[in-house]
Amino acid sequence: MSNQRTLAFAVVASLATLGLVGGATTTSTASSDRPAPPVGQRVVAKATAPVKCDGGALKKLSTRLSADPFSFAGTAGADVAVTGAQVALTGPPKGTDTVLVTFTAETYYTGSGWMSLELHKDGVPAAPYADNGSPFAFTSEASYHGDSAQFCTRIGKGTHILAIQASTTGNSSTDSGWIDDWTMSVLRFE
């Protein structure tokens, strides 16, 4: 095989691995309220316009991290605060600043649904958030692995509390969630 063909194959294979070529496929066997499509079937979601959450120059980085395990019993959709995963910010005197929050953690989930994760700004979920009965899935596996999520919001004048909330979607008597070795990074832009 020529060097150009080898390079082209490697690029396409890498993009396919990242899900950028060939469409998304699913191999999940976890049961939930939403049935999983057959293995290998392309998943097509209803098209919606992306939410624009742009910012300007970087103003500040705030980070919280913990190596203490946070475990919780099933919540059947009710949110629980991840202990310590909270940042207070004072907004600008005029206009708004954009805030990008990244939360990474080692996770473990047992149950019939999945563990959900949300960023709450002053007690209200921030994007991406869908109030459609299908919360953001952070993990659905009974294995230890690293997961990451990003959220974007804007803050105006006054003090604002950004807090990470977790929940489970399955049966509250059998579900449980575990979050450990987490980092909450808050980037603030003009």
N, C-alpha and C. Protein backbone atom coordinates (compact mmCIF):
# COMPACT_ATOMS: atom_id res chain seq x y z
N MET A 1 0.86 -1.18 0.00
CA MET A 1 0.00 0.00 0.00
C MET A 1 0.90 1.23 0.00
N SER A 2 0.55 2.23 -0.81
CA SER A 2 1.38 3.44 -0.89
C SER A 2 1.28 4.22 0.42
N ASN A 3 2.28 5.09 0.65
CA ASN A 3 2.29 5.91 1.86
C ASN A 3 1.06 6.81 1.94
N GLN A 4 0.63 7.36 0.79
CA GLN A 4 -0.55 8.23 0.79
C GLN A 4 -1.80 7.44 1.16
N ARG A 5 -1.95 6.24 0.61
CA ARG A 5 -3.13 5.42 0.93
C ARG A 5 -3.09 4.98 2.39
N THR A 6 -1.90 4.65 2.89
CA THR A 6 -1.75 4.26 4.29
C THR A 6 -2.13 5.41 5.20
N LEU A 7 -1.65 6.62 4.89
CA LEU A 7 -1.97 7.80 5.69
C LEU A 7 -3.47 8.10 5.63
N ALA A 8 -4.07 8.04 4.43
CA ALA A 8 -5.50 8.31 4.30
C ALA A 8 -6.31 7.30 5.10
N PHE A 9 -5.93 6.02 5.04
CA PHE A 9 -6.62 5.00 5.82
C PHE A 9 -6.52 5.27 7.31
N ALA A 10 -5.33 5.63 7.77
CA ALA A 10 -5.11 5.91 9.20
C ALA A 10 -5.95 7.10 9.64
N VAL A 11 -6.05 8.15 8.82
CA VAL A 11 -6.84 9.33 9.18
C VAL A 11 -8.32 8.97 9.27
N VAL A 12 -8.84 8.24 8.27
CA VAL A 12 -10.26 7.85 8.28
C VAL A 12 -10.54 6.93 9.46
N ALA A 13 -9.65 5.99 9.74
CA ALA A 13 -9.85 5.08 10.88
C ALA A 13 -9.86 5.86 12.19
N SER A 14 -8.96 6.84 12.33
CA SER A 14 -8.92 7.65 13.54
C SER A 14 -10.19 8.46 13.70
N LEU A 15 -10.66 9.08 12.62
CA LEU A 15 -11.88 9.87 12.69
C LEU A 15 -13.09 8.99 13.00
N ALA A 16 -13.12 7.80 12.43
CA ALA A 16 -14.23 6.88 12.71
C ALA A 16 -14.21 6.47 14.18
N THR A 17 -13.03 6.24 14.72
CA THR A 17 -12.92 5.90 16.14
C THR A 17 -13.46 7.01 17.01
N LEU A 18 -13.22 8.25 16.62
CA LEU A 18 -13.70 9.40 17.38
C LEU A 18 -15.17 9.70 17.11
N GLY A 19 -15.77 8.98 16.17
CA GLY A 19 -17.18 9.20 15.86
C GLY A 19 -17.41 10.35 14.91
N LEU A 20 -16.34 10.80 14.20
CA LEU A 20 -16.47 11.94 13.32
C LEU A 20 -16.77 11.53 11.88
N VAL A 21 -16.62 10.25 11.55
CA VAL A 21 -16.90 9.75 10.22
C VAL A 21 -17.73 8.49 10.37
N GLY A 22 -18.68 8.29 9.52
CA GLY A 22 -19.42 7.04 9.52
C GLY A 22 -20.63 7.01 10.42
N GLY A 23 -20.92 8.07 11.11
CA GLY A 23 -22.10 8.12 11.96
C GLY A 23 -21.88 7.44 13.29
N ALA A 24 -22.72 7.79 14.23
CA ALA A 24 -22.63 7.22 15.57
C ALA A 24 -23.28 5.85 15.59
N THR A 25 -22.69 4.94 16.32
CA THR A 25 -23.30 3.63 16.53
C THR A 25 -23.37 3.40 18.02
N THR A 26 -24.18 2.44 18.38
CA THR A 26 -24.32 2.16 19.80
C THR A 26 -24.08 0.69 20.06
N THR A 27 -23.49 0.40 21.21
CA THR A 27 -23.29 -0.97 21.63
C THR A 27 -23.84 -1.17 23.03
N SER A 28 -24.60 -0.23 23.52
CA SER A 28 -25.11 -0.29 24.89
C SER A 28 -26.14 -1.38 25.04
N THR A 29 -26.05 -2.07 26.17
CA THR A 29 -27.06 -3.08 26.49
C THR A 29 -27.79 -2.71 27.76
N ALA A 30 -27.51 -1.51 28.30
CA ALA A 30 -28.16 -1.10 29.55
C ALA A 30 -29.64 -0.87 29.31
N SER A 31 -30.47 -1.35 30.21
CA SER A 31 -31.90 -1.13 30.07
C SER A 31 -32.27 0.21 30.69
N SER A 32 -33.26 0.85 30.13
CA SER A 32 -33.73 2.13 30.64
C SER A 32 -35.12 2.37 30.08
N ASP A 33 -35.65 3.55 30.35
CA ASP A 33 -36.96 3.90 29.83
C ASP A 33 -36.92 4.07 28.32
N ARG A 34 -35.76 4.40 27.78
CA ARG A 34 -35.64 4.54 26.34
C ARG A 34 -34.95 3.29 25.79
N PRO A 35 -35.59 2.56 24.85
CA PRO A 35 -34.99 1.33 24.35
C PRO A 35 -33.74 1.62 23.54
N ALA A 36 -32.74 0.77 23.69
CA ALA A 36 -31.51 0.91 22.93
C ALA A 36 -31.74 0.35 21.54
N PRO A 37 -31.20 1.03 20.51
CA PRO A 37 -31.32 0.49 19.16
C PRO A 37 -30.44 -0.75 19.03
N PRO A 38 -30.70 -1.59 18.02
CA PRO A 38 -29.87 -2.78 17.83
C PRO A 38 -28.40 -2.38 17.68
N VAL A 39 -27.50 -3.27 18.10
CA VAL A 39 -26.07 -3.01 18.03
C VAL A 39 -25.68 -2.68 16.60
N GLY A 40 -24.91 -1.62 16.42
CA GLY A 40 -24.43 -1.23 15.11
C GLY A 40 -25.38 -0.35 14.32
N GLN A 41 -26.62 -0.18 14.77
CA GLN A 41 -27.57 0.65 14.05
C GLN A 41 -27.25 2.11 14.28
N ARG A 42 -27.34 2.90 13.23
CA ARG A 42 -27.08 4.33 13.33
C ARG A 42 -28.18 4.98 14.16
N VAL A 43 -27.79 5.85 15.09
CA VAL A 43 -28.73 6.56 15.93
C VAL A 43 -28.96 7.95 15.32
N VAL A 44 -30.20 8.26 15.01
CA VAL A 44 -30.52 9.55 14.42
C VAL A 44 -31.42 10.31 15.40
N ALA A 45 -30.94 11.46 15.84
CA ALA A 45 -31.71 12.28 16.77
C ALA A 45 -32.40 13.39 16.00
N LYS A 46 -33.50 13.88 16.54
CA LYS A 46 -34.20 15.00 15.95
C LYS A 46 -33.28 16.22 15.96
N ALA A 47 -33.18 16.88 14.83
CA ALA A 47 -32.28 18.02 14.71
C ALA A 47 -32.79 19.22 15.51
N THR A 48 -31.91 19.81 16.26
CA THR A 48 -32.21 21.05 16.98
C THR A 48 -31.04 22.00 16.75
N ALA A 49 -31.31 23.26 16.85
CA ALA A 49 -30.25 24.24 16.65
C ALA A 49 -29.32 24.25 17.85
N PRO A 50 -28.01 24.24 17.62
CA PRO A 50 -27.08 24.32 18.74
C PRO A 50 -27.25 25.64 19.49
N VAL A 51 -26.98 25.61 20.78
CA VAL A 51 -27.03 26.81 21.61
C VAL A 51 -25.67 27.49 21.53
N LYS A 52 -25.66 28.77 21.25
CA LYS A 52 -24.42 29.52 21.15
C LYS A 52 -24.06 30.04 22.54
N CYS A 53 -22.83 29.77 22.98
CA CYS A 53 -22.39 30.19 24.31
C CYS A 53 -20.93 30.64 24.19
N ASP A 54 -20.71 31.70 23.44
CA ASP A 54 -19.37 32.20 23.16
C ASP A 54 -18.93 33.21 24.21
N GLY A 55 -17.62 33.36 24.33
CA GLY A 55 -17.05 34.34 25.24
C GLY A 55 -15.88 35.04 24.58
N GLY A 56 -15.31 35.99 25.29
CA GLY A 56 -14.16 36.73 24.79
C GLY A 56 -12.88 36.26 25.46
N ALA A 57 -12.09 37.22 25.90
CA ALA A 57 -10.80 36.91 26.53
C ALA A 57 -11.01 36.22 27.88
N LEU A 58 -10.10 35.30 28.19
CA LEU A 58 -10.13 34.59 29.46
C LEU A 58 -9.85 35.57 30.60
N LYS A 59 -10.71 35.53 31.63
CA LYS A 59 -10.55 36.40 32.79
C LYS A 59 -10.01 35.67 34.01
N LYS A 60 -10.47 34.41 34.21
CA LYS A 60 -10.10 33.73 35.44
C LYS A 60 -10.36 32.23 35.33
N LEU A 61 -9.56 31.46 36.07
CA LEU A 61 -9.78 30.03 36.22
C LEU A 61 -9.99 29.75 37.70
N SER A 62 -11.06 29.04 38.02
CA SER A 62 -11.33 28.57 39.39
C SER A 62 -11.45 27.05 39.32
N THR A 63 -10.78 26.36 40.23
CA THR A 63 -10.80 24.90 40.21
C THR A 63 -11.06 24.35 41.61
N ARG A 64 -11.90 23.32 41.68
CA ARG A 64 -12.13 22.57 42.90
C ARG A 64 -11.84 21.12 42.56
N LEU A 65 -11.22 20.40 43.49
CA LEU A 65 -10.97 18.98 43.25
C LEU A 65 -11.03 18.22 44.56
N SER A 66 -11.32 16.92 44.43
CA SER A 66 -11.43 16.09 45.62
C SER A 66 -11.05 14.66 45.28
N ALA A 67 -10.35 14.04 46.20
CA ALA A 67 -10.02 12.61 46.08
C ALA A 67 -10.87 11.79 47.04
N ASP A 68 -11.85 12.43 47.70
CA ASP A 68 -12.75 11.72 48.61
C ASP A 68 -13.94 11.17 47.83
N PRO A 69 -14.21 9.88 47.93
CA PRO A 69 -15.35 9.31 47.21
C PRO A 69 -16.68 9.92 47.67
N PHE A 70 -17.54 10.17 46.71
CA PHE A 70 -18.91 10.64 46.96
C PHE A 70 -19.84 9.56 46.44
N SER A 71 -20.55 8.88 47.32
CA SER A 71 -21.48 7.85 46.88
C SER A 71 -22.88 8.21 47.35
N PHE A 72 -23.86 7.78 46.58
CA PHE A 72 -25.24 8.09 46.93
C PHE A 72 -26.17 6.99 46.46
N ALA A 73 -27.25 6.83 47.20
CA ALA A 73 -28.28 5.85 46.85
C ALA A 73 -29.09 6.38 45.67
N GLY A 74 -29.81 5.48 45.02
CA GLY A 74 -30.64 5.87 43.88
C GLY A 74 -31.57 7.02 44.21
N THR A 75 -31.78 7.90 43.23
CA THR A 75 -32.59 9.10 43.47
C THR A 75 -33.85 9.15 42.61
N ALA A 76 -33.99 8.24 41.64
CA ALA A 76 -35.15 8.25 40.73
C ALA A 76 -35.37 9.64 40.11
N GLY A 77 -34.28 10.29 39.74
CA GLY A 77 -34.37 11.58 39.06
C GLY A 77 -34.17 12.80 39.94
N ALA A 78 -34.23 12.65 41.25
CA ALA A 78 -34.03 13.79 42.16
C ALA A 78 -32.53 14.11 42.23
N ASP A 79 -32.19 15.39 42.21
CA ASP A 79 -30.80 15.82 42.24
C ASP A 79 -30.21 15.79 43.65
N VAL A 80 -28.92 15.43 43.73
CA VAL A 80 -28.16 15.53 44.97
C VAL A 80 -26.89 16.32 44.66
N ALA A 81 -26.50 17.18 45.59
CA ALA A 81 -25.29 17.98 45.40
C ALA A 81 -24.06 17.12 45.59
N VAL A 82 -23.10 17.23 44.67
CA VAL A 82 -21.82 16.55 44.83
C VAL A 82 -21.02 17.39 45.83
N THR A 83 -20.73 16.81 46.99
CA THR A 83 -20.09 17.53 48.08
C THR A 83 -18.81 18.24 47.63
N GLY A 84 -18.78 19.55 47.84
CA GLY A 84 -17.61 20.36 47.51
C GLY A 84 -17.53 20.87 46.09
N ALA A 85 -18.35 20.34 45.19
CA ALA A 85 -18.32 20.75 43.78
C ALA A 85 -19.18 21.99 43.57
N GLN A 86 -18.69 23.11 44.10
CA GLN A 86 -19.44 24.36 44.07
C GLN A 86 -18.47 25.54 44.01
N VAL A 87 -18.80 26.55 43.22
CA VAL A 87 -17.98 27.76 43.09
C VAL A 87 -18.92 28.96 43.13
N ALA A 88 -18.54 29.97 43.90
CA ALA A 88 -19.29 31.24 43.93
C ALA A 88 -18.53 32.25 43.07
N LEU A 89 -19.24 32.93 42.19
CA LEU A 89 -18.65 33.95 41.33
C LEU A 89 -19.43 35.24 41.44
N THR A 90 -18.73 36.36 41.42
CA THR A 90 -19.38 37.66 41.37
C THR A 90 -19.35 38.13 39.92
N GLY A 91 -20.53 38.42 39.37
CA GLY A 91 -20.63 38.83 37.99
C GLY A 91 -20.07 40.22 37.75
N PRO A 92 -19.95 40.59 36.49
CA PRO A 92 -19.42 41.91 36.15
C PRO A 92 -20.42 43.01 36.52
N PRO A 93 -19.96 44.24 36.73
CA PRO A 93 -20.88 45.32 37.07
C PRO A 93 -21.86 45.65 35.94
N LYS A 94 -21.43 45.41 34.69
CA LYS A 94 -22.29 45.63 33.52
C LYS A 94 -22.17 44.45 32.58
N GLY A 95 -23.22 44.14 31.88
CA GLY A 95 -23.18 43.07 30.89
C GLY A 95 -23.10 41.69 31.52
N THR A 96 -22.55 40.74 30.75
CA THR A 96 -22.43 39.36 31.23
C THR A 96 -21.05 38.80 30.91
N ASP A 97 -20.64 37.80 31.67
CA ASP A 97 -19.46 37.00 31.39
C ASP A 97 -19.94 35.60 31.03
N THR A 98 -19.18 34.92 30.19
CA THR A 98 -19.46 33.53 29.84
C THR A 98 -18.64 32.62 30.74
N VAL A 99 -19.27 31.55 31.22
CA VAL A 99 -18.60 30.61 32.12
C VAL A 99 -18.68 29.22 31.50
N LEU A 100 -17.52 28.57 31.37
CA LEU A 100 -17.44 27.21 30.86
C LEU A 100 -16.96 26.32 32.00
N VAL A 101 -17.78 25.36 32.38
CA VAL A 101 -17.47 24.47 33.50
C VAL A 101 -17.21 23.07 32.95
N THR A 102 -16.06 22.51 33.34
CA THR A 102 -15.72 21.13 32.99
C THR A 102 -15.66 20.33 34.28
N PHE A 103 -16.36 19.20 34.30
CA PHE A 103 -16.35 18.31 35.46
C PHE A 103 -15.86 16.95 34.99
N THR A 104 -14.76 16.47 35.59
CA THR A 104 -14.23 15.15 35.27
C THR A 104 -14.18 14.34 36.56
N ALA A 105 -14.41 13.04 36.44
CA ALA A 105 -14.43 12.20 37.63
C ALA A 105 -14.28 10.73 37.26
N GLU A 106 -13.81 9.96 38.22
CA GLU A 106 -13.88 8.52 38.14
C GLU A 106 -15.27 8.15 38.62
N THR A 107 -15.97 7.29 37.89
CA THR A 107 -17.36 6.97 38.23
C THR A 107 -17.61 5.47 38.26
N TYR A 108 -18.70 5.12 38.92
CA TYR A 108 -19.21 3.74 38.97
C TYR A 108 -20.71 3.86 39.20
N TYR A 109 -21.49 3.11 38.45
CA TYR A 109 -22.95 3.16 38.58
C TYR A 109 -23.50 1.75 38.58
N THR A 110 -24.45 1.48 39.45
CA THR A 110 -25.19 0.22 39.40
C THR A 110 -26.67 0.55 39.38
N GLY A 111 -27.41 -0.18 38.58
CA GLY A 111 -28.85 0.04 38.51
C GLY A 111 -29.40 -0.23 37.13
N SER A 112 -30.63 0.21 36.93
CA SER A 112 -31.36 -0.09 35.70
C SER A 112 -31.43 1.09 34.73
N GLY A 113 -30.82 2.21 35.06
CA GLY A 113 -30.85 3.38 34.18
C GLY A 113 -29.45 3.91 33.97
N TRP A 114 -29.22 5.15 34.41
CA TRP A 114 -27.91 5.75 34.30
C TRP A 114 -27.74 6.85 35.35
N MET A 115 -26.49 7.27 35.55
CA MET A 115 -26.21 8.39 36.44
C MET A 115 -26.20 9.65 35.59
N SER A 116 -26.95 10.63 36.04
CA SER A 116 -27.06 11.90 35.34
C SER A 116 -26.22 12.95 36.06
N LEU A 117 -25.81 13.98 35.32
CA LEU A 117 -25.02 15.06 35.90
C LEU A 117 -25.54 16.38 35.35
N GLU A 118 -25.63 17.38 36.21
CA GLU A 118 -26.08 18.72 35.81
C GLU A 118 -25.23 19.77 36.50
N LEU A 119 -25.10 20.91 35.85
CA LEU A 119 -24.56 22.10 36.50
C LEU A 119 -25.75 22.99 36.82
N HIS A 120 -25.85 23.41 38.07
CA HIS A 120 -26.91 24.34 38.46
C HIS A 120 -26.30 25.71 38.71
N LYS A 121 -26.88 26.72 38.10
CA LYS A 121 -26.50 28.11 38.35
C LYS A 121 -27.62 28.73 39.16
N ASP A 122 -27.31 29.09 40.39
CA ASP A 122 -28.32 29.66 41.30
C ASP A 122 -29.55 28.75 41.41
N GLY A 123 -29.29 27.43 41.43
CA GLY A 123 -30.36 26.45 41.62
C GLY A 123 -31.11 26.03 40.37
N VAL A 124 -30.71 26.56 39.20
CA VAL A 124 -31.39 26.25 37.94
C VAL A 124 -30.41 25.55 37.01
N PRO A 125 -30.81 24.42 36.37
CA PRO A 125 -29.90 23.72 35.48
C PRO A 125 -29.41 24.62 34.33
N ALA A 126 -28.12 24.46 33.99
CA ALA A 126 -27.50 25.21 32.89
C ALA A 126 -27.30 24.29 31.69
N ALA A 127 -27.08 24.87 30.53
CA ALA A 127 -26.90 24.10 29.29
C ALA A 127 -25.62 23.26 29.35
N PRO A 128 -25.63 22.03 28.80
CA PRO A 128 -26.78 21.43 28.14
C PRO A 128 -27.73 20.80 29.16
N TYR A 129 -28.96 21.14 29.04
CA TYR A 129 -30.00 20.61 29.90
C TYR A 129 -31.26 20.48 29.07
N ALA A 130 -31.90 19.32 29.14
CA ALA A 130 -33.15 19.10 28.42
C ALA A 130 -34.20 18.65 29.41
N ASP A 131 -35.24 19.41 29.56
CA ASP A 131 -36.33 19.05 30.47
C ASP A 131 -37.33 18.18 29.71
N ASN A 132 -36.83 17.03 29.26
CA ASN A 132 -37.66 16.16 28.44
C ASN A 132 -37.75 14.73 28.97
N GLY A 133 -37.36 14.52 30.22
CA GLY A 133 -37.40 13.19 30.80
C GLY A 133 -36.21 12.33 30.44
N SER A 134 -35.24 12.90 29.75
CA SER A 134 -34.04 12.16 29.37
C SER A 134 -32.81 12.96 29.77
N PRO A 135 -32.45 12.93 31.06
CA PRO A 135 -31.34 13.76 31.54
C PRO A 135 -29.99 13.32 30.97
N PHE A 136 -29.04 14.24 31.01
CA PHE A 136 -27.68 14.03 30.53
C PHE A 136 -27.07 12.80 31.20
N ALA A 137 -26.69 11.82 30.42
CA ALA A 137 -26.12 10.58 30.96
C ALA A 137 -24.62 10.75 31.16
N PHE A 138 -24.18 10.71 32.41
CA PHE A 138 -22.76 10.83 32.73
C PHE A 138 -22.09 9.46 32.68
N THR A 139 -22.76 8.43 33.17
CA THR A 139 -22.28 7.05 33.06
C THR A 139 -23.45 6.10 33.26
N SER A 140 -23.30 4.90 32.73
CA SER A 140 -24.33 3.87 32.93
C SER A 140 -23.68 2.52 33.15
N GLU A 141 -22.43 2.53 33.55
CA GLU A 141 -21.68 1.28 33.65
C GLU A 141 -21.29 0.92 35.08
N ALA A 142 -21.34 -0.36 35.36
CA ALA A 142 -20.87 -0.88 36.64
C ALA A 142 -19.40 -1.25 36.49
N SER A 143 -18.59 -0.24 36.17
CA SER A 143 -17.15 -0.40 36.07
C SER A 143 -16.51 0.95 36.39
N TYR A 144 -15.28 0.92 36.85
CA TYR A 144 -14.58 2.15 37.19
C TYR A 144 -13.96 2.73 35.93
N HIS A 145 -14.31 3.97 35.62
CA HIS A 145 -13.73 4.64 34.47
C HIS A 145 -13.89 6.15 34.62
N GLY A 146 -13.14 6.89 33.83
CA GLY A 146 -13.18 8.34 33.87
C GLY A 146 -14.22 8.89 32.92
N ASP A 147 -14.95 9.90 33.37
CA ASP A 147 -15.95 10.58 32.55
C ASP A 147 -15.76 12.08 32.67
N SER A 148 -16.24 12.81 31.67
CA SER A 148 -16.10 14.26 31.66
C SER A 148 -17.33 14.88 31.02
N ALA A 149 -17.71 16.05 31.51
CA ALA A 149 -18.84 16.79 30.94
C ALA A 149 -18.52 18.28 30.97
N GLN A 150 -19.06 19.02 30.01
CA GLN A 150 -18.88 20.47 29.98
C GLN A 150 -20.25 21.14 29.95
N PHE A 151 -20.31 22.30 30.60
CA PHE A 151 -21.53 23.09 30.67
C PHE A 151 -21.16 24.55 30.40
N CYS A 152 -22.06 25.29 29.80
CA CYS A 152 -21.79 26.69 29.49
C CYS A 152 -22.98 27.54 29.91
N THR A 153 -22.69 28.68 30.53
CA THR A 153 -23.74 29.59 30.97
C THR A 153 -23.17 31.01 31.01
N ARG A 154 -24.01 31.96 31.29
CA ARG A 154 -23.58 33.36 31.44
C ARG A 154 -23.98 33.85 32.82
N ILE A 155 -23.16 34.78 33.35
CA ILE A 155 -23.48 35.40 34.63
C ILE A 155 -23.50 36.91 34.46
N GLY A 156 -24.44 37.54 35.14
CA GLY A 156 -24.54 39.00 35.15
C GLY A 156 -24.17 39.54 36.52
N LYS A 157 -24.59 40.74 36.77
CA LYS A 157 -24.29 41.42 38.03
C LYS A 157 -24.76 40.59 39.22
N GLY A 158 -23.99 40.64 40.31
CA GLY A 158 -24.37 39.93 41.54
C GLY A 158 -23.54 38.68 41.75
N THR A 159 -23.83 37.99 42.85
CA THR A 159 -23.13 36.75 43.18
C THR A 159 -23.92 35.55 42.68
N HIS A 160 -23.21 34.62 42.09
CA HIS A 160 -23.84 33.43 41.51
C HIS A 160 -23.15 32.18 42.04
N ILE A 161 -23.95 31.15 42.31
CA ILE A 161 -23.44 29.87 42.79
C ILE A 161 -23.55 28.85 41.65
N LEU A 162 -22.43 28.24 41.30
CA LEU A 162 -22.39 27.15 40.33
C LEU A 162 -22.13 25.86 41.09
N ALA A 163 -23.00 24.88 40.94
CA ALA A 163 -22.88 23.64 41.70
C ALA A 163 -23.19 22.44 40.83
N ILE A 164 -22.41 21.38 41.00
CA ILE A 164 -22.63 20.13 40.28
C ILE A 164 -23.63 19.28 41.06
N GLN A 165 -24.63 18.77 40.33
CA GLN A 165 -25.67 17.91 40.90
C GLN A 165 -25.67 16.58 40.15
N ALA A 166 -25.89 15.50 40.87
CA ALA A 166 -25.96 14.17 40.27
C ALA A 166 -27.32 13.56 40.58
N SER A 167 -27.71 12.57 39.80
CA SER A 167 -28.94 11.82 40.07
C SER A 167 -28.84 10.47 39.38
N THR A 168 -29.78 9.59 39.67
CA THR A 168 -29.90 8.33 38.95
C THR A 168 -31.30 8.28 38.34
N THR A 169 -31.43 7.55 37.25
CA THR A 169 -32.71 7.54 36.54
C THR A 169 -33.52 6.26 36.75
N GLY A 170 -32.89 5.24 37.31
CA GLY A 170 -33.59 3.97 37.49
C GLY A 170 -34.33 3.90 38.82
N ASN A 171 -34.52 2.69 39.28
CA ASN A 171 -35.25 2.41 40.52
C ASN A 171 -34.46 2.90 41.72
N SER A 172 -35.05 3.75 42.54
CA SER A 172 -34.33 4.33 43.68
C SER A 172 -33.91 3.29 44.72
N SER A 173 -34.58 2.13 44.76
CA SER A 173 -34.22 1.12 45.76
C SER A 173 -33.06 0.23 45.30
N THR A 174 -32.72 0.26 44.03
CA THR A 174 -31.64 -0.60 43.53
C THR A 174 -30.48 0.18 42.91
N ASP A 175 -30.67 1.42 42.53
CA ASP A 175 -29.61 2.22 41.91
C ASP A 175 -28.63 2.76 42.95
N SER A 176 -27.41 2.99 42.52
CA SER A 176 -26.45 3.73 43.34
C SER A 176 -25.41 4.37 42.42
N GLY A 177 -24.87 5.50 42.86
CA GLY A 177 -23.85 6.20 42.11
C GLY A 177 -22.62 6.44 42.96
N TRP A 178 -21.48 6.52 42.31
CA TRP A 178 -20.20 6.73 42.99
C TRP A 178 -19.35 7.65 42.12
N ILE A 179 -18.86 8.73 42.71
CA ILE A 179 -18.02 9.71 42.02
C ILE A 179 -16.77 9.92 42.88
N ASP A 180 -15.60 9.83 42.26
CA ASP A 180 -14.34 9.94 43.01
C ASP A 180 -13.31 10.66 42.15
N ASP A 181 -12.27 11.14 42.81
CA ASP A 181 -11.14 11.78 42.12
C ASP A 181 -11.62 12.78 41.08
N TRP A 182 -12.47 13.70 41.51
CA TRP A 182 -13.10 14.64 40.57
C TRP A 182 -12.41 16.00 40.56
N THR A 183 -12.56 16.67 39.43
CA THR A 183 -12.09 18.04 39.25
C THR A 183 -13.20 18.86 38.60
N MET A 184 -13.47 20.02 39.17
CA MET A 184 -14.42 20.97 38.60
C MET A 184 -13.62 22.21 38.22
N SER A 185 -13.49 22.46 36.91
CA SER A 185 -12.76 23.62 36.42
C SER A 185 -13.73 24.62 35.84
N VAL A 186 -13.60 25.87 36.30
CA VAL A 186 -14.50 26.93 35.86
C VAL A 186 -13.67 28.01 35.15
N LEU A 187 -13.86 28.11 33.83
CA LEU A 187 -13.21 29.14 33.04
C LEU A 187 -14.18 30.29 32.82
N ARG A 188 -13.72 31.49 33.12
CA ARG A 188 -14.59 32.67 32.99
C ARG A 188 -14.03 33.58 31.90
N PHE A 189 -14.89 33.96 30.97
CA PHE A 189 -14.49 34.78 29.82
C PHE A 189 -15.28 36.09 29.81
N GLU A 190 -14.68 37.12 29.21
CA GLU A 190 -15.38 38.41 29.05
C GLU A 190 -16.60 38.21 28.19
